[in-house]
């Protein structure tokens, strides 16, 4: 017998789902070595970007609750 399906907490911390159903993620490369990056690069990498549809479908299935 299977138990209750649970939300993947690791994914819930990394992705956001918009009210329209799009899945958003952050850009990589901002955890360390920021000193060597230009200000323009750092500003660009703060933004959220939309995930591709096939990957979004997998993520949504793990973030049901």
N, C-alpha and C. Protein backbone atom coordinates (compact mmCIF):
# COMPACT_ATOMS: atom_id res chain seq x y z
N UNK A 1 0.84 -1.18 0.00
CA UNK A 1 0.00 0.00 0.00
C UNK A 1 0.89 1.26 0.00
N UNK A 2 0.57 2.19 -0.88
CA UNK A 2 1.35 3.42 -0.97
C UNK A 2 0.84 4.45 0.02
N UNK A 3 1.77 5.26 0.51
CA UNK A 3 1.41 6.34 1.40
C UNK A 3 1.00 7.58 0.63
N UNK A 4 0.79 8.63 1.35
CA UNK A 4 0.39 9.89 0.74
C UNK A 4 1.56 10.48 -0.07
N UNK A 5 1.26 11.02 -1.24
CA UNK A 5 2.30 11.65 -2.06
C UNK A 5 2.74 12.95 -1.39
N UNK A 6 4.05 13.18 -1.37
CA UNK A 6 4.58 14.36 -0.69
C UNK A 6 5.32 15.25 -1.68
N UNK A 7 5.38 16.52 -1.33
CA UNK A 7 6.11 17.49 -2.14
C UNK A 7 7.60 17.27 -1.98
N UNK A 8 8.34 17.36 -3.10
CA UNK A 8 9.80 17.30 -3.04
C UNK A 8 10.31 18.65 -2.56
N UNK A 9 10.77 18.71 -1.34
CA UNK A 9 11.18 19.97 -0.73
C UNK A 9 12.38 20.59 -1.44
N UNK A 10 13.28 19.76 -1.97
CA UNK A 10 14.44 20.30 -2.67
C UNK A 10 14.00 21.06 -3.92
N UNK A 11 12.97 20.57 -4.59
CA UNK A 11 12.47 21.25 -5.79
C UNK A 11 11.66 22.48 -5.42
N UNK A 12 10.92 22.43 -4.33
CA UNK A 12 10.09 23.57 -3.96
C UNK A 12 10.93 24.78 -3.59
N UNK A 13 12.19 24.53 -3.18
CA UNK A 13 13.08 25.64 -2.84
C UNK A 13 13.76 26.24 -4.08
N UNK A 14 13.80 25.48 -5.17
CA UNK A 14 14.52 25.92 -6.37
C UNK A 14 13.62 26.46 -7.48
N UNK A 15 12.36 26.13 -7.46
CA UNK A 15 11.46 26.52 -8.54
C UNK A 15 10.24 27.25 -7.99
N UNK A 16 9.67 28.13 -8.84
CA UNK A 16 8.42 28.81 -8.51
C UNK A 16 7.43 28.51 -9.63
N UNK A 17 6.16 28.37 -9.28
CA UNK A 17 5.11 28.20 -10.27
C UNK A 17 4.25 29.46 -10.26
N UNK A 18 4.09 30.07 -11.43
CA UNK A 18 3.32 31.30 -11.55
C UNK A 18 1.84 30.98 -11.51
N UNK A 19 0.98 31.99 -11.31
CA UNK A 19 -0.47 31.74 -11.33
C UNK A 19 -0.97 31.18 -12.67
N UNK A 20 -0.25 31.49 -13.76
CA UNK A 20 -0.67 30.97 -15.07
C UNK A 20 -0.15 29.56 -15.32
N UNK A 21 0.72 29.04 -14.42
CA UNK A 21 1.18 27.66 -14.54
C UNK A 21 2.59 27.50 -15.09
N UNK A 22 3.28 28.60 -15.37
CA UNK A 22 4.65 28.49 -15.84
C UNK A 22 5.58 28.17 -14.67
N UNK A 23 6.66 27.44 -14.98
CA UNK A 23 7.64 27.09 -13.95
C UNK A 23 8.87 27.97 -14.16
N UNK A 24 9.33 28.61 -13.09
CA UNK A 24 10.47 29.51 -13.15
C UNK A 24 11.64 28.95 -12.36
N UNK A 25 12.86 29.26 -12.82
CA UNK A 25 14.07 28.86 -12.13
C UNK A 25 15.04 30.02 -12.14
N UNK A 26 16.06 29.95 -11.27
CA UNK A 26 17.11 30.96 -11.26
C UNK A 26 18.24 30.53 -12.19
N UNK A 27 19.03 31.48 -12.63
CA UNK A 27 20.20 31.16 -13.44
C UNK A 27 21.33 30.66 -12.54
N UNK A 28 22.18 29.83 -13.09
CA UNK A 28 23.27 29.25 -12.31
C UNK A 28 24.47 30.19 -12.28
N UNK A 29 25.41 29.91 -11.39
CA UNK A 29 26.66 30.62 -11.37
C UNK A 29 26.73 31.80 -10.42
N UNK A 30 25.82 31.89 -9.45
CA UNK A 30 25.83 33.03 -8.54
C UNK A 30 26.13 32.64 -7.10
N UNK A 31 26.57 31.41 -6.86
CA UNK A 31 26.82 30.98 -5.50
C UNK A 31 28.17 31.46 -4.96
N UNK A 32 29.18 31.54 -5.84
CA UNK A 32 30.50 31.98 -5.38
C UNK A 32 31.24 32.60 -6.55
N UNK A 33 32.44 33.13 -6.29
CA UNK A 33 33.29 33.80 -7.28
C UNK A 33 32.60 35.00 -7.93
N UNK A 34 31.82 35.73 -7.16
CA UNK A 34 31.12 36.90 -7.70
C UNK A 34 32.03 38.08 -7.96
N UNK A 35 33.15 38.12 -7.28
CA UNK A 35 34.06 39.26 -7.40
C UNK A 35 34.58 39.41 -8.83
N UNK A 36 34.80 38.31 -9.50
CA UNK A 36 35.35 38.34 -10.86
C UNK A 36 34.32 38.59 -11.94
N UNK A 37 33.05 38.62 -11.60
CA UNK A 37 32.00 38.81 -12.59
C UNK A 37 31.65 40.29 -12.71
N UNK A 38 31.25 40.70 -13.90
CA UNK A 38 30.90 42.10 -14.10
C UNK A 38 29.54 42.38 -13.45
N UNK A 39 29.29 43.65 -13.18
CA UNK A 39 28.03 44.05 -12.55
C UNK A 39 26.85 43.70 -13.45
N UNK A 40 27.04 43.85 -14.74
CA UNK A 40 25.98 43.54 -15.71
C UNK A 40 25.61 42.05 -15.67
N UNK A 41 26.63 41.20 -15.60
CA UNK A 41 26.39 39.76 -15.51
C UNK A 41 25.63 39.41 -14.25
N UNK A 42 26.03 40.03 -13.14
CA UNK A 42 25.39 39.73 -11.86
C UNK A 42 23.92 40.18 -11.87
N UNK A 43 23.64 41.31 -12.48
CA UNK A 43 22.26 41.78 -12.56
C UNK A 43 21.41 40.85 -13.41
N UNK A 44 21.97 40.39 -14.52
CA UNK A 44 21.23 39.49 -15.39
C UNK A 44 20.90 38.17 -14.69
N UNK A 45 21.83 37.69 -13.88
CA UNK A 45 21.65 36.39 -13.26
C UNK A 45 20.72 36.42 -12.06
N UNK A 46 20.27 37.58 -11.64
CA UNK A 46 19.29 37.67 -10.55
C UNK A 46 17.90 37.30 -11.01
N UNK A 47 17.65 37.37 -12.31
CA UNK A 47 16.29 37.20 -12.83
C UNK A 47 15.86 35.74 -12.83
N UNK A 48 14.55 35.54 -12.82
CA UNK A 48 13.95 34.21 -12.95
C UNK A 48 13.69 33.97 -14.43
N UNK A 49 13.93 32.76 -14.92
CA UNK A 49 13.68 32.41 -16.31
C UNK A 49 12.72 31.24 -16.38
N UNK A 50 12.00 31.13 -17.49
CA UNK A 50 10.99 30.09 -17.67
C UNK A 50 11.67 28.78 -18.06
N UNK A 51 11.21 27.69 -17.48
CA UNK A 51 11.74 26.35 -17.74
C UNK A 51 11.07 25.80 -18.99
N UNK A 52 11.77 24.94 -19.75
CA UNK A 52 11.19 24.33 -20.95
C UNK A 52 9.98 23.48 -20.58
N UNK A 53 9.07 23.31 -21.52
CA UNK A 53 7.81 22.62 -21.24
C UNK A 53 7.99 21.17 -20.78
N UNK A 54 8.86 20.35 -21.43
CA UNK A 54 9.02 18.98 -20.96
C UNK A 54 9.53 18.89 -19.52
N UNK A 55 10.49 19.76 -19.18
CA UNK A 55 11.03 19.75 -17.83
C UNK A 55 10.00 20.30 -16.83
N UNK A 56 9.23 21.29 -17.26
CA UNK A 56 8.21 21.88 -16.40
C UNK A 56 7.16 20.84 -16.03
N UNK A 57 6.83 19.97 -16.95
CA UNK A 57 5.84 18.93 -16.69
C UNK A 57 6.33 17.99 -15.58
N UNK A 58 7.62 17.62 -15.62
CA UNK A 58 8.20 16.75 -14.60
C UNK A 58 8.23 17.44 -13.23
N UNK A 59 8.60 18.71 -13.25
CA UNK A 59 8.70 19.46 -11.99
C UNK A 59 7.33 19.62 -11.36
N UNK A 60 6.33 19.93 -12.17
CA UNK A 60 4.97 20.10 -11.64
C UNK A 60 4.44 18.82 -11.00
N UNK A 61 4.81 17.67 -11.59
CA UNK A 61 4.34 16.40 -11.02
C UNK A 61 4.93 16.15 -9.64
N UNK A 62 6.13 16.69 -9.38
CA UNK A 62 6.77 16.53 -8.08
C UNK A 62 6.32 17.59 -7.07
N UNK A 63 5.76 18.70 -7.57
CA UNK A 63 5.33 19.80 -6.70
C UNK A 63 3.81 19.88 -6.64
N UNK A 64 3.18 18.79 -6.34
CA UNK A 64 1.71 18.75 -6.37
C UNK A 64 1.07 19.54 -5.25
N UNK A 65 1.71 19.62 -4.09
CA UNK A 65 1.04 20.19 -2.93
C UNK A 65 1.67 21.49 -2.49
